[in-house]
Amino acid sequence: MKSINKYAAQIAISSLLFSGAALANPPKPNVFDGGNRWHITFYNDSTSTHQQWATQEICFLPYNVVGTSIQGVWYATSFPDWNGRYYQEGDEVKMTGDYARDVGHDHMTLIHTTYGGKGSLAFKDWTEWREDRKYGRIIGWGNARLKRVGYCRVPRGIDQPARASALRRLENQAQTISSALPERLTVDGEVATSPGDSKLESIEAYQRRIKEYQFSSVR
């Protein structure tokens, strides 16, 4: 009996040591380290050609390490009032976001690949919908591509990774920045109604038009 108890204790100690190591080692590559500014593109899954729709620019803010995952906040620099939270464990990234005063919603699940440089691309799906007091109105079921394009500014005084106590400040920062953005237009000159809009003006056109509102920069 004593030998069994001793063996059980050794297993428990080994588990604690392994757990502690996991806490200190966030997944790499990840969406923040090495460049936290990304372009995400929607491809309509309801068409045989997977027609390309919108491309948006988003920034991931410093993460908090939770168990074997990282968790944090992201915001758009190309569509007003669009921001949310992200979660990454291993090579899988999950994102949720709201827009239009929280009436519009998005969910993405993306998997890192080694194409184009380690961790610089991720692919899988993007779903967007609006509340309608019933089942929700689906705007699009889509495939998605996430491509790293550089760096976004990070609030001063925030550690990288961030402490859990800093997440509220980062949420407020993301909300403030995204809410200050002017409207994104369509190629027809109309105000876009969703981040996944199929007729969005290009990111380049948007950034030229609202140059004074730029919140991202390459270090």
C-alpha atoms as a PDB file:
ATOM      1  CA  MET A   1       0.000   0.000   0.000  1.00  0.00           C
ATOM      2  CA  LYS A   2       2.830   2.395   0.881  1.00  0.00           C
ATOM      3  CA  SER A   3       4.490   1.828  -2.530  1.00  0.00           C
ATOM      4  CA  ILE A   4       1.176   2.538  -4.297  1.00  0.00           C
ATOM      5  CA  ASN A   5       0.703   5.762  -2.346  1.00  0.00           C
ATOM      6  CA  LYS A   6       4.283   6.782  -3.097  1.00  0.00           C
ATOM      7  CA  TYR A   7       3.723   6.134  -6.819  1.00  0.00           C
ATOM      8  CA  ALA A   8       0.473   8.155  -6.748  1.00  0.00           C
ATOM      9  CA  ALA A   9       2.271  11.050  -5.050  1.00  0.00           C
ATOM     10  CA  GLN A  10       4.982  11.012  -7.714  1.00  0.00           C
ATOM     11  CA  ILE A  11       2.341  11.164 -10.441  1.00  0.00           C
ATOM     12  CA  ALA A  12       0.634  14.098  -8.692  1.00  0.00           C
ATOM     13  CA  ILE A  13       3.914  16.007  -8.367  1.00  0.00           C
ATOM     14  CA  SER A  14       4.799  15.323 -12.023  1.00  0.00           C
ATOM     15  CA  SER A  15       1.356  16.569 -13.093  1.00  0.00           C
ATOM     16  CA  LEU A  16       1.784  19.787 -11.153  1.00  0.00           C
ATOM     17  CA  LEU A  17       5.205  20.388 -12.660  1.00  0.00           C
ATOM     18  CA  PHE A  18       3.875  19.770 -16.166  1.00  0.00           C
ATOM     19  CA  SER A  19       0.915  22.055 -15.501  1.00  0.00           C
ATOM     20  CA  GLY A  20       3.215  24.815 -14.288  1.00  0.00           C
ATOM     21  CA  ALA A  21       5.359  24.514 -17.413  1.00  0.00           C
ATOM     22  CA  ALA A  22       2.280  24.747 -19.629  1.00  0.00           C
ATOM     23  CA  LEU A  23       1.159  27.911 -17.886  1.00  0.00           C
ATOM     24  CA  ALA A  24       4.464  29.583 -18.677  1.00  0.00           C
ATOM     25  CA  ASN A  25       4.548  28.617 -22.370  1.00  0.00           C
ATOM     26  CA  PRO A  26       1.837  30.122 -24.607  1.00  0.00           C
ATOM     27  CA  PRO A  27       1.262  28.469 -28.008  1.00  0.00           C
ATOM     28  CA  LYS A  28       3.657  29.554 -30.737  1.00  0.00           C
ATOM     29  CA  PRO A  29       3.121  30.692 -33.365  1.00  0.00           C
ATOM     30  CA  ASN A  30       0.204  32.761 -32.138  1.00  0.00           C
ATOM     31  CA  VAL A  31      -1.786  35.744 -33.370  1.00  0.00           C
ATOM     32  CA  PHE A  32       0.018  38.331 -31.227  1.00  0.00           C
ATOM     33  CA  ASP A  33       3.721  37.513 -31.021  1.00  0.00           C
ATOM     34  CA  GLY A  34       5.568  38.290 -34.231  1.00  0.00           C
ATOM     35  CA  GLY A  35       2.953  40.688 -35.569  1.00  0.00           C
ATOM     36  CA  ASN A  36      -0.505  41.459 -34.198  1.00  0.00           C
ATOM     37  CA  ARG A  37      -2.001  43.179 -37.279  1.00  0.00           C
ATOM     38  CA  TRP A  38      -3.856  40.846 -39.667  1.00  0.00           C
ATOM     39  CA  HIS A  39      -6.127  40.886 -42.716  1.00  0.00           C
ATOM     40  CA  ILE A  40      -9.099  38.529 -42.601  1.00  0.00           C
ATOM     41  CA  THR A  41     -10.952  37.651 -45.820  1.00  0.00           C
ATOM     42  CA  PHE A  42     -14.400  36.084 -46.188  1.00  0.00           C
ATOM     43  CA  TYR A  43     -15.154  33.581 -48.988  1.00  0.00           C
ATOM     44  CA  ASN A  44     -18.843  32.794 -49.462  1.00  0.00           C
ATOM     45  CA  ASP A  45     -19.334  29.107 -48.742  1.00  0.00           C
ATOM     46  CA  SER A  46     -22.784  29.094 -50.370  1.00  0.00           C
ATOM     47  CA  THR A  47     -21.363  29.512 -53.888  1.00  0.00           C
ATOM     48  CA  SER A  48     -19.629  26.801 -55.909  1.00  0.00           C
ATOM     49  CA  THR A  49     -16.665  29.109 -56.548  1.00  0.00           C
ATOM     50  CA  HIS A  50     -16.401  30.314 -52.918  1.00  0.00           C
ATOM     51  CA  GLN A  51     -16.732  33.902 -54.128  1.00  0.00           C
ATOM     52  CA  GLN A  52     -14.512  36.371 -52.266  1.00  0.00           C
ATOM     53  CA  TRP A  53     -16.423  38.932 -50.256  1.00  0.00           C
ATOM     54  CA  ALA A  54     -14.964  41.255 -47.641  1.00  0.00           C
ATOM     55  CA  THR A  55     -11.420  41.808 -46.388  1.00  0.00           C
ATOM     56  CA  GLN A  56     -11.030  43.509 -43.019  1.00  0.00           C
ATOM     57  CA  GLU A  57      -8.021  44.604 -40.984  1.00  0.00           C
ATOM     58  CA  ILE A  58      -7.917  43.647 -37.312  1.00  0.00           C
ATOM     59  CA  CYS A  59      -5.497  44.040 -34.415  1.00  0.00           C
ATOM     60  CA  PHE A  60      -4.962  41.596 -31.563  1.00  0.00           C
ATOM     61  CA  LEU A  61      -4.103  43.164 -28.191  1.00  0.00           C
ATOM     62  CA  PRO A  62      -1.786  41.528 -25.599  1.00  0.00           C
ATOM     63  CA  TYR A  63      -3.054  38.229 -24.257  1.00  0.00           C
ATOM     64  CA  ASN A  64      -3.383  36.632 -20.848  1.00  0.00           C
ATOM     65  CA  VAL A  65      -2.120  33.043 -20.438  1.00  0.00           C
ATOM     66  CA  VAL A  66      -4.904  30.797 -19.113  1.00  0.00           C
ATOM     67  CA  GLY A  67      -3.903  27.171 -18.650  1.00  0.00           C
ATOM     68  CA  THR A  68      -2.567  25.988 -22.015  1.00  0.00           C
ATOM     69  CA  SER A  69      -4.342  28.776 -23.927  1.00  0.00           C
ATOM     70  CA  ILE A  70      -3.994  32.490 -24.534  1.00  0.00           C
ATOM     71  CA  GLN A  71      -7.019  34.796 -24.339  1.00  0.00           C
ATOM     72  CA  GLY A  72      -7.394  38.444 -25.242  1.00  0.00           C
ATOM     73  CA  VAL A  73      -9.197  41.196 -27.144  1.00  0.00           C
ATOM     74  CA  TRP A  74      -9.183  42.205 -30.818  1.00  0.00           C
ATOM     75  CA  TYR A  75     -10.605  45.187 -32.701  1.00  0.00           C
ATOM     76  CA  ALA A  76     -11.022  46.268 -36.328  1.00  0.00           C
ATOM     77  CA  THR A  77      -9.194  49.184 -37.922  1.00  0.00           C
ATOM     78  CA  SER A  78     -11.341  48.999 -41.055  1.00  0.00           C
ATOM     79  CA  PHE A  79     -14.940  48.768 -39.805  1.00  0.00           C
ATOM     80  CA  PRO A  80     -16.565  50.851 -37.040  1.00  0.00           C
ATOM     81  CA  ASP A  81     -17.672  49.354 -33.717  1.00  0.00           C
ATOM     82  CA  TRP A  82     -16.382  45.869 -34.582  1.00  0.00           C
ATOM     83  CA  ASN A  83     -14.412  44.200 -31.805  1.00  0.00           C
ATOM     84  CA  GLY A  84     -14.409  41.086 -29.679  1.00  0.00           C
ATOM     85  CA  ARG A  85     -12.385  38.416 -27.908  1.00  0.00           C
ATOM     86  CA  TYR A  86      -9.985  35.748 -29.069  1.00  0.00           C
ATOM     87  CA  TYR A  87      -8.795  32.416 -27.713  1.00  0.00           C
ATOM     88  CA  GLN A  88      -5.939  30.265 -28.975  1.00  0.00           C
ATOM     89  CA  GLU A  89      -4.864  26.801 -27.903  1.00  0.00           C
ATOM     90  CA  GLY A  90      -2.259  25.007 -29.982  1.00  0.00           C
ATOM     91  CA  ASP A  91      -2.731  26.023 -33.617  1.00  0.00           C
ATOM     92  CA  GLU A  92      -6.493  26.706 -33.289  1.00  0.00           C
ATOM     93  CA  VAL A  93      -7.732  30.295 -32.969  1.00  0.00           C
ATOM     94  CA  LYS A  94     -11.325  31.136 -32.020  1.00  0.00           C
ATOM     95  CA  MET A  95     -12.760  34.647 -32.313  1.00  0.00           C
ATOM     96  CA  THR A  96     -16.111  36.201 -31.421  1.00  0.00           C
ATOM     97  CA  GLY A  97     -17.142  39.763 -32.199  1.00  0.00           C
ATOM     98  CA  ASP A  98     -20.042  42.211 -32.269  1.00  0.00           C
ATOM     99  CA  TYR A  99     -20.901  45.270 -34.373  1.00  0.00           C
ATOM    100  CA  ALA A 100     -23.893  47.560 -35.008  1.00  0.00           C
ATOM    101  CA  ARG A 101     -24.340  48.187 -31.278  1.00  0.00           C
ATOM    102  CA  ASP A 102     -24.111  44.452 -30.581  1.00  0.00           C
ATOM    103  CA  VAL A 103     -26.977  43.530 -32.929  1.00  0.00           C
ATOM    104  CA  GLY A 104     -24.559  42.001 -35.438  1.00  0.00           C
ATOM    105  CA  HIS A 105     -22.342  39.055 -34.503  1.00  0.00           C
ATOM    106  CA  ASP A 106     -19.387  37.105 -35.879  1.00  0.00           C
ATOM    107  CA  HIS A 107     -17.652  33.867 -35.010  1.00  0.00           C
ATOM    108  CA  MET A 108     -14.416  32.576 -36.553  1.00  0.00           C
ATOM    109  CA  THR A 109     -12.430  29.381 -36.081  1.00  0.00           C
ATOM    110  CA  LEU A 110      -9.017  29.379 -37.785  1.00  0.00           C
ATOM    111  CA  ILE A 111      -6.076  26.974 -37.941  1.00  0.00           C
ATOM    112  CA  HIS A 112      -2.468  28.131 -38.339  1.00  0.00           C
ATOM    113  CA  THR A 113      -0.507  26.743 -41.272  1.00  0.00           C
ATOM    114  CA  THR A 114       3.142  26.884 -42.293  1.00  0.00           C
ATOM    115  CA  TYR A 115       2.392  28.272 -45.758  1.00  0.00           C
ATOM    116  CA  GLY A 116       3.836  31.718 -46.421  1.00  0.00           C
ATOM    117  CA  GLY A 117       6.064  31.530 -43.360  1.00  0.00           C
ATOM    118  CA  LYS A 118       5.469  29.837 -40.043  1.00  0.00           C
ATOM    119  CA  GLY A 119       2.278  31.073 -38.417  1.00  0.00           C
ATOM    120  CA  SER A 120       1.680  33.880 -40.918  1.00  0.00           C
ATOM    121  CA  LEU A 121      -1.513  32.357 -42.314  1.00  0.00           C
ATOM    122  CA  ALA A 122      -4.578  30.670 -40.815  1.00  0.00           C
ATOM    123  CA  PHE A 123      -7.630  29.201 -42.555  1.00  0.00           C
ATOM    124  CA  LYS A 124     -11.049  27.774 -41.776  1.00  0.00           C
ATOM    125  CA  ASP A 125     -14.442  29.459 -41.272  1.00  0.00           C
ATOM    126  CA  TRP A 126     -16.254  32.714 -40.528  1.00  0.00           C
ATOM    127  CA  THR A 127     -19.983  32.973 -39.742  1.00  0.00           C
ATOM    128  CA  GLU A 128     -21.847  36.280 -39.514  1.00  0.00           C
ATOM    129  CA  TRP A 129     -25.425  36.980 -38.431  1.00  0.00           C
ATOM    130  CA  ARG A 130     -27.774  39.596 -36.995  1.00  0.00           C
ATOM    131  CA  GLU A 131     -30.384  39.253 -34.304  1.00  0.00           C
ATOM    132  CA  ASP A 132     -33.992  39.387 -35.505  1.00  0.00           C
ATOM    133  CA  ARG A 133     -35.861  38.306 -32.333  1.00  0.00           C
ATOM    134  CA  LYS A 134     -36.248  34.819 -33.816  1.00  0.00           C
ATOM    135  CA  TYR A 135     -33.445  32.521 -34.960  1.00  0.00           C
ATOM    136  CA  GLY A 136     -31.065  35.212 -36.131  1.00  0.00           C
ATOM    137  CA  ARG A 137     -30.593  36.320 -39.752  1.00  0.00           C
ATOM    138  CA  ILE A 138     -27.547  34.716 -41.331  1.00  0.00           C
ATOM    139  CA  ILE A 139     -25.511  37.128 -43.451  1.00  0.00           C
ATOM    140  CA  GLY A 140     -23.023  34.516 -44.540  1.00  0.00           C
ATOM    141  CA  TRP A 141     -21.517  31.101 -43.931  1.00  0.00           C
ATOM    142  CA  GLY A 142     -17.970  31.420 -45.154  1.00  0.00           C
ATOM    143  CA  ASN A 143     -14.477  30.099 -45.423  1.00  0.00           C
ATOM    144  CA  ALA A 144     -11.870  32.492 -44.070  1.00  0.00           C
ATOM    145  CA  ARG A 145      -8.212  33.369 -44.496  1.00  0.00           C
ATOM    146  CA  LEU A 146      -6.249  35.219 -41.829  1.00  0.00           C
ATOM    147  CA  LYS A 147      -2.950  36.764 -43.014  1.00  0.00           C
ATOM    148  CA  ARG A 148      -0.386  38.505 -40.798  1.00  0.00           C
ATOM    149  CA  VAL A 149       0.551  41.912 -42.243  1.00  0.00           C
ATOM    150  CA  GLY A 150       2.479  43.737 -39.515  1.00  0.00           C
ATOM    151  CA  TYR A 151       2.112  45.397 -36.134  1.00  0.00           C
ATOM    152  CA  CYS A 152      -0.539  47.467 -34.364  1.00  0.00           C
ATOM    153  CA  ARG A 153       0.116  49.890 -31.561  1.00  0.00           C
ATOM    154  CA  VAL A 154      -0.203  48.495 -28.065  1.00  0.00           C
ATOM    155  CA  PRO A 155      -1.383  50.647 -25.122  1.00  0.00           C
ATOM    156  CA  ARG A 156       1.449  51.915 -22.951  1.00  0.00           C
ATOM    157  CA  GLY A 157       1.955  50.300 -19.577  1.00  0.00           C
ATOM    158  CA  ILE A 158       0.572  46.919 -20.664  1.00  0.00           C
ATOM    159  CA  ASP A 159       2.848  43.921 -20.192  1.00  0.00           C
ATOM    160  CA  GLN A 160       3.177  41.418 -23.007  1.00  0.00           C
ATOM    161  CA  PRO A 161       1.675  38.927 -22.155  1.00  0.00           C
ATOM    162  CA  ALA A 162      -0.831  40.990 -20.196  1.00  0.00           C
ATOM    163  CA  ARG A 163      -1.929  40.422 -16.640  1.00  0.00           C
ATOM    164  CA  ALA A 164      -5.544  39.351 -16.203  1.00  0.00           C
ATOM    165  CA  SER A 165      -6.226  42.662 -14.435  1.00  0.00           C
ATOM    166  CA  ALA A 166      -5.264  44.542 -17.615  1.00  0.00           C
ATOM    167  CA  LEU A 167      -7.902  42.887 -19.807  1.00  0.00           C
ATOM    168  CA  ARG A 168     -10.648  45.317 -18.808  1.00  0.00           C
ATOM    169  CA  ARG A 169      -8.446  48.238 -19.824  1.00  0.00           C
ATOM    170  CA  LEU A 170      -7.702  46.548 -23.138  1.00  0.00           C
ATOM    171  CA  GLU A 171     -11.411  45.929 -23.749  1.00  0.00           C
ATOM    172  CA  ASN A 172     -12.111  49.625 -23.178  1.00  0.00           C
ATOM    173  CA  GLN A 173      -9.232  50.557 -25.484  1.00  0.00           C
ATOM    174  CA  ALA A 174     -10.526  48.331 -28.269  1.00  0.00           C
ATOM    175  CA  GLN A 175     -14.055  49.693 -27.908  1.00  0.00           C
ATOM    176  CA  THR A 176     -12.839  53.301 -27.982  1.00  0.00           C
ATOM    177  CA  ILE A 177     -10.699  52.840 -31.077  1.00  0.00           C
ATOM    178  CA  SER A 178     -13.199  50.840 -33.107  1.00  0.00           C
ATOM    179  CA  SER A 179     -16.106  53.117 -32.203  1.00  0.00           C
ATOM    180  CA  ALA A 180     -14.175  56.177 -33.430  1.00  0.00           C
ATOM    181  CA  LEU A 181     -13.762  54.814 -36.961  1.00  0.00           C
ATOM    182  CA  PRO A 182     -15.808  56.377 -39.768  1.00  0.00           C
ATOM    183  CA  GLU A 183     -18.145  54.235 -41.834  1.00  0.00           C
ATOM    184  CA  ARG A 184     -16.768  51.741 -44.358  1.00  0.00           C
ATOM    185  CA  LEU A 185     -18.341  52.217 -47.784  1.00  0.00           C
ATOM    186  CA  THR A 186     -19.260  49.815 -50.559  1.00  0.00           C
ATOM    187  CA  VAL A 187     -17.960  50.130 -54.114  1.00  0.00           C
ATOM    188  CA  ASP A 188     -21.302  51.820 -54.890  1.00  0.00           C
ATOM    189  CA  GLY A 189     -20.612  54.555 -52.319  1.00  0.00           C
ATOM    190  CA  GLU A 190     -23.200  53.304 -49.839  1.00  0.00           C
ATOM    191  CA  VAL A 191     -22.545  52.679 -46.138  1.00  0.00           C
ATOM    192  CA  ALA A 192     -21.591  49.041 -45.558  1.00  0.00           C
ATOM    193  CA  THR A 193     -23.957  47.277 -43.174  1.00  0.00           C
ATOM    194  CA  SER A 194     -21.722  44.430 -42.005  1.00  0.00           C
ATOM    195  CA  PRO A 195     -18.017  43.464 -41.813  1.00  0.00           C
ATOM    196  CA  GLY A 196     -18.680  40.640 -44.271  1.00  0.00           C
ATOM    197  CA  ASP A 197     -20.394  42.834 -46.878  1.00  0.00           C
ATOM    198  CA  SER A 198     -19.761  41.410 -50.353  1.00  0.00           C
ATOM    199  CA  LYS A 199     -19.291  44.834 -51.999  1.00  0.00           C
ATOM    200  CA  LEU A 200     -16.870  46.590 -49.671  1.00  0.00           C
ATOM    201  CA  GLU A 201     -14.435  49.180 -50.962  1.00  0.00           C
ATOM    202  CA  SER A 202     -10.849  47.954 -50.660  1.00  0.00           C
ATOM    203  CA  ILE A 203      -8.926  48.411 -47.434  1.00  0.00           C
ATOM    204  CA  GLU A 204      -6.475  50.627 -49.341  1.00  0.00           C
ATOM    205  CA  ALA A 205      -9.290  52.912 -50.526  1.00  0.00           C
ATOM    206  CA  TYR A 206     -10.721  53.085 -47.017  1.00  0.00           C
ATOM    207  CA  GLN A 207      -7.364  53.946 -45.456  1.00  0.00           C
ATOM    208  CA  ARG A 208      -6.661  56.664 -48.009  1.00  0.00           C
ATOM    209  CA  ARG A 209     -10.081  58.172 -47.353  1.00  0.00           C
ATOM    210  CA  ILE A 210      -9.720  58.260 -43.571  1.00  0.00           C
ATOM    211  CA  LYS A 211      -5.971  58.783 -43.232  1.00  0.00           C
ATOM    212  CA  GLU A 212      -6.423  60.954 -40.161  1.00  0.00           C
ATOM    213  CA  TYR A 213      -8.058  58.051 -38.323  1.00  0.00           C
ATOM    214  CA  GLN A 214      -5.206  55.586 -38.679  1.00  0.00           C
ATOM    215  CA  PHE A 215      -4.593  53.594 -35.481  1.00  0.00           C
ATOM    216  CA  SER A 216      -2.103  50.981 -36.702  1.00  0.00           C
ATOM    217  CA  SER A 217       1.546  51.293 -37.659  1.00  0.00           C
ATOM    218  CA  VAL A 218       4.464  49.058 -38.547  1.00  0.00           C
ATOM    219  CA  ARG A 219       7.253  49.218 -35.994  1.00  0.00           C
END
